[in-house]
Amino acid sequence: MSDDSEVLTSTQVAERAPRDWREVDGMLRTRLKVKDYAAALDLVNRIAKAADEADHHPDIDLRYNWVGLRLVSHDVGGLSPRDLELAGAISRIAADVGAEAVPEVTTSMTIGIDTADAARIRPFWTALTGHGEAKGDADSLPSPDGQMPEIWFQESEAREGRNRIHLDVYVPHDQAQARVDTVVAAGGRLVTDEFAPSWWVLADADGNEACVCTWQPR
């Protein structure tokens, strides 16, 4: 019997998760495509019933012809066996109604701000965006409702020719290299792959940097 309080490693999640789910930025995610809004709503209702039965509830994004899903066990601070179990149940529901799983399109984004003094600028960003400080983590401002990117502060002195704010785009680990290649083909420049496959640093033609990130270790 699995221990529902166990926090799984990303490697364990990759090995055990249903094939139509991916870990992205610490959450198990997928997207399910259907024919129209009525079908999407019906799928959500079926998933809600299974979630109530499991007493474990995913974040659900209902759109015209797709449903986005995110799973994490907040009480244990990570992904647990019950996330994998509910993901499997949702996959079976999706198969029953003919929904198409497209987990490769799931992404997450954070905004990184380089600063030598996070305490000095943090009040500005909380006032501007409505983000609140994370408990026990002064370097992060989580989204107040899960709809906006997390903001985090990276200790760094100003460097000539480098932007102070950058995007970290989290993608499924099996899509990362393709995303990097697409960015380079679109006029980007690979600044470094020293930290791959955990993250690649890229820049646009003006030198603005961004990172493509995965759960994988360096």
N, C-alpha and C. Protein backbone atom coordinates (compact mmCIF):
# COMPACT_ATOMS: atom_id res chain seq x y z
N MET A 1 0.85 -1.19 0.00
CA MET A 1 0.00 0.00 0.00
C MET A 1 0.89 1.24 0.00
N SER A 2 0.56 2.20 -0.82
CA SER A 2 1.38 3.40 -0.93
C SER A 2 1.12 4.31 0.26
N ASP A 3 2.15 5.08 0.62
CA ASP A 3 2.06 6.04 1.71
C ASP A 3 1.68 7.39 1.11
N ASP A 4 0.46 7.86 1.37
CA ASP A 4 -0.02 9.09 0.77
C ASP A 4 0.73 10.32 1.25
N SER A 5 1.48 10.19 2.36
CA SER A 5 2.24 11.32 2.87
C SER A 5 3.65 11.37 2.29
N GLU A 6 4.00 10.38 1.49
CA GLU A 6 5.33 10.34 0.90
C GLU A 6 5.46 11.40 -0.19
N VAL A 7 6.53 12.16 -0.13
CA VAL A 7 6.83 13.12 -1.20
C VAL A 7 7.73 12.42 -2.21
N LEU A 8 7.24 12.32 -3.43
CA LEU A 8 7.97 11.61 -4.47
C LEU A 8 9.03 12.50 -5.10
N THR A 9 10.12 11.90 -5.50
CA THR A 9 11.12 12.64 -6.27
C THR A 9 10.61 12.82 -7.69
N SER A 10 11.20 13.77 -8.40
CA SER A 10 10.79 13.99 -9.78
C SER A 10 11.07 12.77 -10.65
N THR A 11 12.14 12.07 -10.34
CA THR A 11 12.44 10.84 -11.09
C THR A 11 11.37 9.79 -10.85
N GLN A 12 10.93 9.65 -9.61
CA GLN A 12 9.85 8.70 -9.32
C GLN A 12 8.57 9.09 -10.03
N VAL A 13 8.28 10.37 -10.06
CA VAL A 13 7.08 10.83 -10.75
C VAL A 13 7.16 10.51 -12.23
N ALA A 14 8.30 10.76 -12.85
CA ALA A 14 8.47 10.49 -14.28
C ALA A 14 8.32 9.00 -14.57
N GLU A 15 8.76 8.17 -13.65
CA GLU A 15 8.69 6.72 -13.86
C GLU A 15 7.29 6.16 -13.65
N ARG A 16 6.52 6.77 -12.74
CA ARG A 16 5.24 6.19 -12.33
C ARG A 16 4.01 6.90 -12.89
N ALA A 17 4.16 8.12 -13.32
CA ALA A 17 2.99 8.90 -13.75
C ALA A 17 2.37 8.32 -15.01
N PRO A 18 1.06 8.44 -15.18
CA PRO A 18 0.42 8.04 -16.44
C PRO A 18 1.10 8.76 -17.61
N ARG A 19 1.15 8.11 -18.76
CA ARG A 19 1.92 8.63 -19.89
C ARG A 19 1.37 9.96 -20.42
N ASP A 20 0.13 10.30 -20.10
CA ASP A 20 -0.43 11.55 -20.60
C ASP A 20 -0.37 12.68 -19.56
N TRP A 21 0.56 12.56 -18.60
CA TRP A 21 0.80 13.61 -17.61
C TRP A 21 2.29 13.92 -17.58
N ARG A 22 2.62 15.18 -17.20
CA ARG A 22 4.02 15.58 -17.06
C ARG A 22 4.17 16.42 -15.79
N GLU A 23 5.31 16.28 -15.14
CA GLU A 23 5.63 17.20 -14.06
C GLU A 23 6.21 18.47 -14.66
N VAL A 24 5.62 19.59 -14.34
CA VAL A 24 6.09 20.90 -14.79
C VAL A 24 6.05 21.85 -13.60
N ASP A 25 7.21 22.38 -13.23
CA ASP A 25 7.30 23.35 -12.14
C ASP A 25 6.66 22.83 -10.86
N GLY A 26 6.97 21.58 -10.51
CA GLY A 26 6.54 21.03 -9.24
C GLY A 26 5.12 20.53 -9.17
N MET A 27 4.41 20.53 -10.30
CA MET A 27 3.03 20.04 -10.32
C MET A 27 2.86 19.03 -11.45
N LEU A 28 1.96 18.09 -11.25
CA LEU A 28 1.63 17.12 -12.29
C LEU A 28 0.52 17.71 -13.14
N ARG A 29 0.77 17.80 -14.46
CA ARG A 29 -0.14 18.56 -15.32
C ARG A 29 -0.48 17.78 -16.59
N THR A 30 -1.66 18.10 -17.13
CA THR A 30 -2.03 17.64 -18.46
C THR A 30 -3.07 18.60 -19.02
N ARG A 31 -3.34 18.45 -20.31
CA ARG A 31 -4.43 19.17 -20.96
C ARG A 31 -5.23 18.15 -21.75
N LEU A 32 -6.55 18.23 -21.66
CA LEU A 32 -7.44 17.29 -22.34
C LEU A 32 -8.31 18.05 -23.34
N LYS A 33 -8.20 17.68 -24.61
CA LYS A 33 -8.96 18.35 -25.66
C LYS A 33 -10.24 17.59 -25.96
N VAL A 34 -11.33 18.35 -26.12
CA VAL A 34 -12.63 17.78 -26.46
C VAL A 34 -13.24 18.60 -27.59
N LYS A 35 -14.46 18.25 -28.02
CA LYS A 35 -15.00 18.87 -29.23
C LYS A 35 -15.59 20.27 -29.01
N ASP A 36 -16.13 20.53 -27.81
CA ASP A 36 -16.78 21.82 -27.60
C ASP A 36 -16.93 22.09 -26.10
N TYR A 37 -17.57 23.21 -25.78
CA TYR A 37 -17.69 23.62 -24.38
C TYR A 37 -18.54 22.65 -23.57
N ALA A 38 -19.62 22.16 -24.17
CA ALA A 38 -20.47 21.23 -23.45
C ALA A 38 -19.70 19.97 -23.07
N ALA A 39 -18.87 19.49 -23.98
CA ALA A 39 -18.06 18.30 -23.70
C ALA A 39 -17.03 18.59 -22.62
N ALA A 40 -16.46 19.80 -22.66
CA ALA A 40 -15.48 20.18 -21.63
C ALA A 40 -16.14 20.24 -20.26
N LEU A 41 -17.34 20.81 -20.20
CA LEU A 41 -18.04 20.91 -18.93
C LEU A 41 -18.42 19.54 -18.40
N ASP A 42 -18.86 18.65 -19.29
CA ASP A 42 -19.19 17.28 -18.89
C ASP A 42 -17.95 16.58 -18.33
N LEU A 43 -16.81 16.79 -18.97
CA LEU A 43 -15.57 16.18 -18.49
C LEU A 43 -15.21 16.71 -17.11
N VAL A 44 -15.36 18.00 -16.90
CA VAL A 44 -15.06 18.59 -15.59
C VAL A 44 -15.96 17.99 -14.52
N ASN A 45 -17.23 17.82 -14.82
CA ASN A 45 -18.16 17.24 -13.85
C ASN A 45 -17.78 15.81 -13.50
N ARG A 46 -17.35 15.04 -14.49
CA ARG A 46 -16.91 13.66 -14.22
C ARG A 46 -15.65 13.64 -13.36
N ILE A 47 -14.72 14.55 -13.67
CA ILE A 47 -13.49 14.63 -12.89
C ILE A 47 -13.80 15.07 -11.46
N ALA A 48 -14.70 16.03 -11.30
CA ALA A 48 -15.07 16.51 -9.96
C ALA A 48 -15.64 15.37 -9.11
N LYS A 49 -16.44 14.51 -9.71
CA LYS A 49 -17.01 13.38 -8.97
C LYS A 49 -15.90 12.45 -8.49
N ALA A 50 -14.96 12.15 -9.38
CA ALA A 50 -13.84 11.27 -9.00
C ALA A 50 -12.97 11.93 -7.93
N ALA A 51 -12.79 13.25 -8.03
CA ALA A 51 -11.99 13.97 -7.05
C ALA A 51 -12.65 13.93 -5.68
N ASP A 52 -13.96 14.11 -5.64
CA ASP A 52 -14.67 14.05 -4.37
C ASP A 52 -14.56 12.66 -3.75
N GLU A 53 -14.66 11.64 -4.59
CA GLU A 53 -14.54 10.26 -4.09
C GLU A 53 -13.15 10.00 -3.53
N ALA A 54 -12.14 10.60 -4.15
CA ALA A 54 -10.76 10.42 -3.69
C ALA A 54 -10.40 11.38 -2.57
N ASP A 55 -11.26 12.37 -2.31
CA ASP A 55 -10.98 13.43 -1.35
C ASP A 55 -9.64 14.11 -1.66
N HIS A 56 -9.44 14.35 -2.94
CA HIS A 56 -8.21 15.01 -3.41
C HIS A 56 -8.59 15.78 -4.68
N HIS A 57 -8.31 17.06 -4.71
CA HIS A 57 -8.93 17.90 -5.74
C HIS A 57 -7.90 18.64 -6.58
N PRO A 58 -7.95 18.46 -7.90
CA PRO A 58 -7.01 19.15 -8.78
C PRO A 58 -7.45 20.58 -9.05
N ASP A 59 -6.50 21.41 -9.47
CA ASP A 59 -6.85 22.70 -10.05
C ASP A 59 -7.33 22.44 -11.47
N ILE A 60 -8.46 23.05 -11.85
CA ILE A 60 -9.06 22.80 -13.15
C ILE A 60 -9.23 24.12 -13.90
N ASP A 61 -8.81 24.11 -15.16
CA ASP A 61 -8.97 25.28 -16.04
C ASP A 61 -9.91 24.86 -17.16
N LEU A 62 -11.12 25.41 -17.14
CA LEU A 62 -12.14 25.05 -18.13
C LEU A 62 -12.15 26.07 -19.26
N ARG A 63 -11.94 25.59 -20.48
CA ARG A 63 -11.97 26.46 -21.66
C ARG A 63 -12.98 25.89 -22.67
N TYR A 64 -13.07 26.55 -23.85
CA TYR A 64 -14.10 26.17 -24.82
C TYR A 64 -14.00 24.71 -25.21
N ASN A 65 -12.81 24.25 -25.61
CA ASN A 65 -12.69 22.86 -26.05
C ASN A 65 -11.51 22.15 -25.42
N TRP A 66 -11.10 22.60 -24.24
CA TRP A 66 -10.08 21.85 -23.51
C TRP A 66 -10.19 22.11 -22.01
N VAL A 67 -9.61 21.18 -21.27
CA VAL A 67 -9.58 21.26 -19.81
C VAL A 67 -8.14 21.09 -19.37
N GLY A 68 -7.62 22.06 -18.63
CA GLY A 68 -6.28 21.97 -18.07
C GLY A 68 -6.35 21.50 -16.63
N LEU A 69 -5.41 20.65 -16.23
CA LEU A 69 -5.44 20.06 -14.89
C LEU A 69 -4.06 20.13 -14.24
N ARG A 70 -4.06 20.43 -12.94
CA ARG A 70 -2.83 20.47 -12.17
C ARG A 70 -3.06 19.75 -10.85
N LEU A 71 -2.11 18.91 -10.49
CA LEU A 71 -2.20 18.15 -9.25
C LEU A 71 -0.95 18.36 -8.40
N VAL A 72 -1.15 18.53 -7.10
CA VAL A 72 -0.07 18.56 -6.13
C VAL A 72 -0.68 18.32 -4.76
N SER A 73 0.07 17.75 -3.85
CA SER A 73 -0.41 17.51 -2.49
C SER A 73 0.12 18.63 -1.60
N HIS A 74 -0.69 19.67 -1.43
CA HIS A 74 -0.23 20.84 -0.68
C HIS A 74 0.12 20.50 0.76
N ASP A 75 -0.61 19.52 1.34
CA ASP A 75 -0.39 19.22 2.76
C ASP A 75 0.96 18.59 3.03
N VAL A 76 1.56 17.95 2.02
CA VAL A 76 2.88 17.35 2.21
C VAL A 76 3.97 18.13 1.47
N GLY A 77 3.57 19.15 0.73
CA GLY A 77 4.55 20.01 0.09
C GLY A 77 5.20 19.44 -1.15
N GLY A 78 4.44 18.65 -1.91
CA GLY A 78 5.01 18.09 -3.14
C GLY A 78 4.05 17.12 -3.78
N LEU A 79 4.58 16.33 -4.70
CA LEU A 79 3.78 15.30 -5.37
C LEU A 79 3.84 14.01 -4.57
N SER A 80 2.68 13.40 -4.39
CA SER A 80 2.57 12.19 -3.59
C SER A 80 1.89 11.09 -4.40
N PRO A 81 1.87 9.86 -3.88
CA PRO A 81 1.18 8.78 -4.59
C PRO A 81 -0.28 9.08 -4.91
N ARG A 82 -0.97 9.85 -4.06
CA ARG A 82 -2.37 10.11 -4.36
C ARG A 82 -2.53 11.00 -5.59
N ASP A 83 -1.51 11.82 -5.90
CA ASP A 83 -1.57 12.59 -7.14
C ASP A 83 -1.50 11.66 -8.34
N LEU A 84 -0.64 10.66 -8.27
CA LEU A 84 -0.52 9.71 -9.37
C LEU A 84 -1.80 8.88 -9.51
N GLU A 85 -2.38 8.52 -8.37
CA GLU A 85 -3.61 7.71 -8.41
C GLU A 85 -4.76 8.50 -9.03
N LEU A 86 -4.92 9.75 -8.63
CA LEU A 86 -6.00 10.56 -9.20
C LEU A 86 -5.72 10.86 -10.67
N ALA A 87 -4.45 11.08 -11.03
CA ALA A 87 -4.11 11.30 -12.43
C ALA A 87 -4.52 10.10 -13.27
N GLY A 88 -4.28 8.90 -12.74
CA GLY A 88 -4.69 7.69 -13.46
C GLY A 88 -6.20 7.61 -13.62
N ALA A 89 -6.93 7.95 -12.57
CA ALA A 89 -8.39 7.93 -12.64
C ALA A 89 -8.90 8.94 -13.67
N ILE A 90 -8.28 10.12 -13.69
CA ILE A 90 -8.69 11.15 -14.66
C ILE A 90 -8.37 10.70 -16.08
N SER A 91 -7.24 10.05 -16.28
CA SER A 91 -6.88 9.55 -17.61
C SER A 91 -7.90 8.53 -18.10
N ARG A 92 -8.37 7.69 -17.19
CA ARG A 92 -9.38 6.69 -17.58
C ARG A 92 -10.70 7.37 -17.94
N ILE A 93 -11.07 8.39 -17.18
CA ILE A 93 -12.29 9.16 -17.50
C ILE A 93 -12.15 9.80 -18.88
N ALA A 94 -10.99 10.39 -19.13
CA ALA A 94 -10.75 11.05 -20.42
C ALA A 94 -10.85 10.06 -21.57
N ALA A 95 -10.29 8.87 -21.38
CA ALA A 95 -10.36 7.85 -22.42
C ALA A 95 -11.80 7.42 -22.67
N ASP A 96 -12.59 7.32 -21.60
CA ASP A 96 -13.99 6.90 -21.74
C ASP A 96 -14.80 7.88 -22.57
N VAL A 97 -14.48 9.18 -22.49
CA VAL A 97 -15.27 10.18 -23.23
C VAL A 97 -14.59 10.60 -24.53
N GLY A 98 -13.47 9.98 -24.84
CA GLY A 98 -12.79 10.27 -26.10
C GLY A 98 -12.00 11.56 -26.11
N ALA A 99 -11.60 12.05 -24.94
CA ALA A 99 -10.78 13.27 -24.87
C ALA A 99 -9.35 12.95 -25.31
N GLU A 100 -8.73 13.90 -25.95
CA GLU A 100 -7.34 13.75 -26.41
C GLU A 100 -6.40 14.43 -25.42
N ALA A 101 -5.46 13.68 -24.90
CA ALA A 101 -4.49 14.25 -23.97
C ALA A 101 -3.34 14.89 -24.73
N VAL A 102 -3.01 16.12 -24.38
CA VAL A 102 -1.88 16.82 -24.99
C VAL A 102 -1.01 17.41 -23.88
N PRO A 103 -0.35 16.54 -23.10
CA PRO A 103 0.45 17.04 -21.97
C PRO A 103 1.67 17.84 -22.40
N GLU A 104 2.08 17.67 -23.66
CA GLU A 104 3.28 18.37 -24.12
C GLU A 104 3.11 19.88 -24.20
N VAL A 105 1.87 20.37 -24.18
CA VAL A 105 1.67 21.83 -24.28
C VAL A 105 1.62 22.50 -22.91
N THR A 106 1.66 21.71 -21.84
CA THR A 106 1.57 22.30 -20.50
C THR A 106 2.86 23.06 -20.18
N THR A 107 2.72 24.27 -19.69
CA THR A 107 3.85 25.10 -19.32
C THR A 107 3.54 25.88 -18.05
N SER A 108 4.57 26.44 -17.46
CA SER A 108 4.42 27.33 -16.32
C SER A 108 5.49 28.41 -16.46
N MET A 109 5.23 29.58 -15.90
CA MET A 109 6.17 30.67 -16.05
C MET A 109 6.36 31.40 -14.73
N THR A 110 7.60 31.74 -14.42
CA THR A 110 7.89 32.59 -13.28
C THR A 110 8.67 33.81 -13.77
N ILE A 111 8.63 34.87 -12.98
CA ILE A 111 9.35 36.10 -13.31
C ILE A 111 10.49 36.25 -12.31
N GLY A 112 11.72 36.24 -12.81
CA GLY A 112 12.89 36.40 -11.97
C GLY A 112 13.40 37.83 -12.02
N ILE A 113 13.71 38.39 -10.87
CA ILE A 113 14.21 39.75 -10.79
C ILE A 113 15.58 39.72 -10.11
N ASP A 114 16.61 40.13 -10.83
CA ASP A 114 17.96 40.22 -10.27
C ASP A 114 18.06 41.45 -9.39
N THR A 115 18.55 41.28 -8.18
CA THR A 115 18.66 42.41 -7.26
C THR A 115 19.73 42.14 -6.22
N ALA A 116 20.38 43.19 -5.78
CA ALA A 116 21.33 43.08 -4.68
C ALA A 116 20.65 43.30 -3.33
N ASP A 117 19.37 43.71 -3.36
CA ASP A 117 18.66 44.02 -2.12
C ASP A 117 17.18 43.74 -2.31
N ALA A 118 16.80 42.47 -2.15
CA ALA A 118 15.41 42.09 -2.37
C ALA A 118 14.47 42.78 -1.39
N ALA A 119 14.89 42.98 -0.16
CA ALA A 119 14.01 43.59 0.84
C ALA A 119 13.63 45.01 0.44
N ARG A 120 14.50 45.69 -0.28
CA ARG A 120 14.23 47.07 -0.66
C ARG A 120 13.18 47.17 -1.74
N ILE A 121 13.14 46.21 -2.66
CA ILE A 121 12.21 46.32 -3.79
C ILE A 121 10.98 45.43 -3.65
N ARG A 122 10.99 44.50 -2.68
CA ARG A 122 9.86 43.58 -2.54
C ARG A 122 8.54 44.30 -2.29
N PRO A 123 8.50 45.34 -1.42
CA PRO A 123 7.21 46.03 -1.21
C PRO A 123 6.63 46.63 -2.48
N PHE A 124 7.48 47.11 -3.37
CA PHE A 124 7.00 47.66 -4.64
C PHE A 124 6.25 46.60 -5.43
N TRP A 125 6.83 45.42 -5.54
CA TRP A 125 6.22 44.37 -6.36
C TRP A 125 4.97 43.79 -5.72
N THR A 126 4.94 43.70 -4.39
CA THR A 126 3.71 43.22 -3.74
C THR A 126 2.59 44.23 -3.91
N ALA A 127 2.91 45.53 -3.81
CA ALA A 127 1.88 46.56 -3.99
C ALA A 127 1.39 46.61 -5.43
N LEU A 128 2.29 46.42 -6.38
CA LEU A 128 1.93 46.51 -7.79
C LEU A 128 1.07 45.35 -8.24
N THR A 129 1.41 44.14 -7.84
CA THR A 129 0.78 42.94 -8.40
C THR A 129 -0.24 42.28 -7.49
N GLY A 130 -0.22 42.59 -6.20
CA GLY A 130 -1.11 41.92 -5.27
C GLY A 130 -0.57 40.60 -4.77
N HIS A 131 0.66 40.25 -5.17
CA HIS A 131 1.28 39.03 -4.65
C HIS A 131 1.59 39.19 -3.17
N GLY A 132 1.58 38.07 -2.45
CA GLY A 132 1.98 38.06 -1.05
C GLY A 132 3.23 37.24 -0.86
N GLU A 133 3.91 37.44 0.24
CA GLU A 133 5.14 36.70 0.49
C GLU A 133 4.85 35.24 0.81
N ALA A 134 5.74 34.37 0.35
CA ALA A 134 5.62 32.95 0.65
C ALA A 134 6.06 32.69 2.09
N LYS A 135 5.38 31.81 2.79
CA LYS A 135 5.75 31.48 4.15
C LYS A 135 7.12 30.80 4.16
N GLY A 136 8.02 31.37 4.92
CA GLY A 136 9.34 30.77 5.04
C GLY A 136 10.24 30.95 3.85
N ASP A 137 9.84 31.78 2.88
CA ASP A 137 10.66 31.98 1.68
C ASP A 137 10.57 33.44 1.27
N ALA A 138 11.51 34.23 1.76
CA ALA A 138 11.48 35.66 1.49
C ALA A 138 11.87 35.99 0.06
N ASP A 139 12.38 35.00 -0.67
CA ASP A 139 12.82 35.25 -2.04
C ASP A 139 11.71 35.06 -3.06
N SER A 140 10.53 34.61 -2.65
CA SER A 140 9.46 34.30 -3.59
C SER A 140 8.17 35.02 -3.24
N LEU A 141 7.44 35.43 -4.27
CA LEU A 141 6.11 35.99 -4.13
C LEU A 141 5.16 35.12 -4.95
N PRO A 142 4.46 34.18 -4.33
CA PRO A 142 3.54 33.33 -5.09
C PRO A 142 2.32 34.10 -5.57
N SER A 143 1.74 33.62 -6.64
CA SER A 143 0.52 34.24 -7.16
C SER A 143 -0.58 34.16 -6.12
N PRO A 144 -1.35 35.23 -5.93
CA PRO A 144 -2.41 35.19 -4.93
C PRO A 144 -3.55 34.23 -5.27
N ASP A 145 -3.73 33.92 -6.55
CA ASP A 145 -4.84 33.05 -6.94
C ASP A 145 -4.43 31.94 -7.91
N GLY A 146 -3.14 31.78 -8.15
CA GLY A 146 -2.68 30.76 -9.07
C GLY A 146 -2.81 31.12 -10.53
N GLN A 147 -3.27 32.34 -10.82
CA GLN A 147 -3.50 32.73 -12.20
C GLN A 147 -2.35 33.54 -12.79
N MET A 148 -1.48 34.06 -11.93
CA MET A 148 -0.37 34.88 -12.41
C MET A 148 0.95 34.18 -12.12
N PRO A 149 2.00 34.54 -12.83
CA PRO A 149 3.31 33.92 -12.56
C PRO A 149 3.82 34.26 -11.16
N GLU A 150 4.54 33.32 -10.58
CA GLU A 150 5.26 33.60 -9.35
C GLU A 150 6.39 34.59 -9.65
N ILE A 151 6.68 35.46 -8.71
CA ILE A 151 7.81 36.37 -8.81
C ILE A 151 8.87 35.91 -7.81
N TRP A 152 10.13 35.86 -8.26
CA TRP A 152 11.18 35.50 -7.32
C TRP A 152 12.38 36.41 -7.52
N PHE A 153 13.14 36.59 -6.43
CA PHE A 153 14.26 37.52 -6.43
C PHE A 153 15.57 36.74 -6.40
N GLN A 154 16.42 37.03 -7.37
CA GLN A 154 17.71 36.35 -7.49
C GLN A 154 18.82 37.33 -7.09
N GLU A 155 19.58 36.94 -6.08
CA GLU A 155 20.65 37.82 -5.62
C GLU A 155 21.70 37.98 -6.71
N SER A 156 21.86 39.19 -7.17
CA SER A 156 22.78 39.44 -8.28
C SER A 156 23.07 40.93 -8.38
N GLU A 157 24.32 41.26 -8.60
CA GLU A 157 24.69 42.64 -8.86
C GLU A 157 24.35 42.98 -10.32
N ALA A 158 24.15 44.26 -10.59
CA ALA A 158 23.86 44.71 -11.95
C ALA A 158 25.04 44.38 -12.87
N ARG A 159 24.72 43.91 -14.08
CA ARG A 159 25.76 43.62 -15.07
C ARG A 159 25.45 44.35 -16.35
N GLU A 160 26.44 44.94 -16.91
CA GLU A 160 26.28 45.72 -18.13
C GLU A 160 25.74 44.85 -19.25
N GLY A 161 24.70 45.34 -19.95
CA GLY A 161 24.18 44.65 -21.12
C GLY A 161 23.24 43.50 -20.81
N ARG A 162 22.85 43.35 -19.54
CA ARG A 162 21.93 42.26 -19.18
C ARG A 162 20.69 42.84 -18.52
N ASN A 163 19.53 42.31 -18.93
CA ASN A 163 18.28 42.77 -18.32
C ASN A 163 18.20 42.31 -16.87
N ARG A 164 17.49 43.07 -16.05
CA ARG A 164 17.37 42.74 -14.63
C ARG A 164 16.16 41.85 -14.34
N ILE A 165 15.22 41.79 -15.28
CA ILE A 165 14.04 40.94 -15.12
C ILE A 165 14.03 39.94 -16.26
N HIS A 166 13.80 38.66 -15.92
CA HIS A 166 13.79 37.64 -16.96
C HIS A 166 12.66 36.65 -16.68
N LEU A 167 12.27 35.92 -17.72
CA LEU A 167 11.25 34.89 -17.59
C LEU A 167 11.90 33.52 -17.48
N ASP A 168 11.37 32.70 -16.58
CA ASP A 168 11.71 31.28 -16.52
C ASP A 168 10.49 30.52 -17.03
N VAL A 169 10.63 29.83 -18.15
CA VAL A 169 9.52 29.10 -18.74
C VAL A 169 9.75 27.61 -18.49
N TYR A 170 8.87 27.01 -17.71
CA TYR A 170 8.97 25.59 -17.37
C TYR A 170 8.17 24.77 -18.37
N VAL A 171 8.81 23.76 -18.94
CA VAL A 171 8.17 22.92 -19.95
C VAL A 171 8.36 21.46 -19.58
N PRO A 172 7.57 20.55 -20.16
CA PRO A 172 7.81 19.13 -19.93
C PRO A 172 9.24 18.76 -20.32
N HIS A 173 9.86 17.90 -19.51
CA HIS A 173 11.28 17.61 -19.73
C HIS A 173 11.57 17.02 -21.10
N ASP A 174 10.58 16.31 -21.67
CA ASP A 174 10.81 15.70 -22.98
C ASP A 174 10.54 16.66 -24.13
N GLN A 175 10.20 17.90 -23.80
CA GLN A 175 9.96 18.91 -24.83
C GLN A 175 11.00 20.03 -24.78
N ALA A 176 11.89 19.99 -23.81
CA ALA A 176 12.78 21.13 -23.56
C ALA A 176 13.74 21.41 -24.72
N GLN A 177 14.42 20.38 -25.20
CA GLN A 177 15.38 20.62 -26.27
C GLN A 177 14.69 21.14 -27.53
N ALA A 178 13.51 20.60 -27.82
CA ALA A 178 12.76 21.09 -28.98
C ALA A 178 12.38 22.55 -28.79
N ARG A 179 12.01 22.94 -27.57
CA ARG A 179 11.66 24.33 -27.31
C ARG A 179 12.88 25.24 -27.49
N VAL A 180 14.02 24.79 -27.00
CA VAL A 180 15.26 25.56 -27.17
C VAL A 180 15.58 25.73 -28.64
N ASP A 181 15.48 24.65 -29.39
CA ASP A 181 15.78 24.70 -30.83
C ASP A 181 14.83 25.65 -31.55
N THR A 182 13.55 25.63 -31.16
CA THR A 182 12.56 26.52 -31.78
C THR A 182 12.88 27.98 -31.48
N VAL A 183 13.30 28.25 -30.25
CA VAL A 183 13.64 29.62 -29.86
C VAL A 183 14.85 30.12 -30.65
N VAL A 184 15.85 29.27 -30.80
CA VAL A 184 17.03 29.65 -31.57
C VAL A 184 16.66 29.88 -33.04
N ALA A 185 15.81 29.02 -33.58
CA ALA A 185 15.38 29.16 -34.97
C ALA A 185 14.57 30.43 -35.19
N ALA A 186 13.95 30.93 -34.10
CA ALA A 186 13.13 32.13 -34.20
C ALA A 186 13.95 33.41 -34.00
N GLY A 187 15.26 33.29 -34.02
CA GLY A 187 16.11 34.46 -33.90
C GLY A 187 16.79 34.60 -32.56
N GLY A 188 16.60 33.61 -31.69
CA GLY A 188 17.22 33.66 -30.37
C GLY A 188 18.67 33.20 -30.41
N ARG A 189 19.33 33.38 -29.29
CA ARG A 189 20.74 32.97 -29.15
C ARG A 189 20.87 32.15 -27.87
N LEU A 190 21.55 31.02 -27.99
CA LEU A 190 21.83 30.21 -26.81
C LEU A 190 22.98 30.84 -26.04
N VAL A 191 22.68 31.37 -24.86
CA VAL A 191 23.71 32.01 -24.05
C VAL A 191 24.58 30.95 -23.39
N THR A 192 23.93 29.93 -22.80
CA THR A 192 24.67 28.82 -22.22
C THR A 192 23.74 27.62 -22.01
N ASP A 193 24.31 26.44 -22.20
CA ASP A 193 23.61 25.21 -21.83
C ASP A 193 24.37 24.50 -20.72
N GLU A 194 25.18 25.27 -20.00
CA GLU A 194 25.99 24.74 -18.91
C GLU A 194 25.15 24.04 -17.86
N PHE A 195 23.92 24.53 -17.66
CA PHE A 195 23.08 24.00 -16.59
C PHE A 195 22.03 23.00 -17.10
N ALA A 196 22.04 22.71 -18.40
CA ALA A 196 21.10 21.76 -18.97
C ALA A 196 21.40 20.36 -18.42
N PRO A 197 20.36 19.51 -18.28
CA PRO A 197 18.98 19.71 -18.74
C PRO A 197 18.06 20.38 -17.71
N SER A 198 18.64 21.00 -16.67
CA SER A 198 17.80 21.69 -15.70
C SER A 198 17.30 23.01 -16.27
N TRP A 199 18.22 23.78 -16.89
CA TRP A 199 17.78 24.99 -17.59
C TRP A 199 18.80 25.43 -18.62
N TRP A 200 18.29 26.08 -19.67
CA TRP A 200 19.08 26.69 -20.73
C TRP A 200 18.84 28.19 -20.66
N VAL A 201 19.89 28.98 -20.82
CA VAL A 201 19.75 30.43 -20.86
C VAL A 201 19.80 30.88 -22.32
N LEU A 202 18.78 31.63 -22.73
CA LEU A 202 18.68 32.12 -24.11
C LEU A 202 18.51 33.63 -24.09
N ALA A 203 18.72 34.25 -25.24
CA ALA A 203 18.56 35.70 -25.35
C ALA A 203 17.97 36.04 -26.70
N ASP A 204 17.18 37.14 -26.71
CA ASP A 204 16.65 37.61 -27.98
C ASP A 204 17.69 38.51 -28.67
N ALA A 205 17.33 39.07 -29.81
CA ALA A 205 18.28 39.86 -30.59
C ALA A 205 18.73 41.12 -29.87
N ASP A 206 17.94 41.58 -28.89
CA ASP A 206 18.33 42.75 -28.11
C ASP A 206 19.13 42.40 -26.86
N GLY A 207 19.34 41.11 -26.63
CA GLY A 207 20.09 40.67 -25.46
C GLY A 207 19.28 40.37 -24.23
N ASN A 208 17.93 40.46 -24.33
CA ASN A 208 17.08 40.12 -23.19
C ASN A 208 17.10 38.62 -22.95
N GLU A 209 17.40 38.22 -21.73
CA GLU A 209 17.58 36.80 -21.43
C GLU A 209 16.30 36.16 -20.86
N ALA A 210 16.19 34.87 -21.09
CA ALA A 210 15.11 34.05 -20.53
C ALA A 210 15.64 32.64 -20.41
N CYS A 211 14.98 31.83 -19.60
CA CYS A 211 15.42 30.45 -19.40
C CYS A 211 14.30 29.47 -19.75
N VAL A 212 14.68 28.39 -20.39
CA VAL A 212 13.81 27.22 -20.55
C VAL A 212 14.21 26.24 -19.46
N CYS A 213 13.23 25.84 -18.62
CA CYS A 213 13.52 25.06 -17.40
C CYS A 213 12.74 23.76 -17.37
N THR A 214 13.30 22.76 -16.71
CA THR A 214 12.62 21.48 -16.47
C THR A 214 12.84 21.05 -15.02
N TRP A 215 12.27 19.91 -14.64
CA TRP A 215 12.49 19.38 -13.30
C TRP A 215 13.83 18.68 -13.19
N GLN A 216 14.48 18.40 -14.29
CA GLN A 216 15.67 17.55 -14.26
C GLN A 216 16.86 18.23 -13.60
N PRO A 217 17.70 17.45 -12.94
CA PRO A 217 18.88 18.04 -12.30
C PRO A 217 19.93 18.43 -13.31
N ARG A 218 20.85 19.27 -12.90
CA ARG A 218 21.93 19.69 -13.78
C ARG A 218 22.85 18.51 -14.10
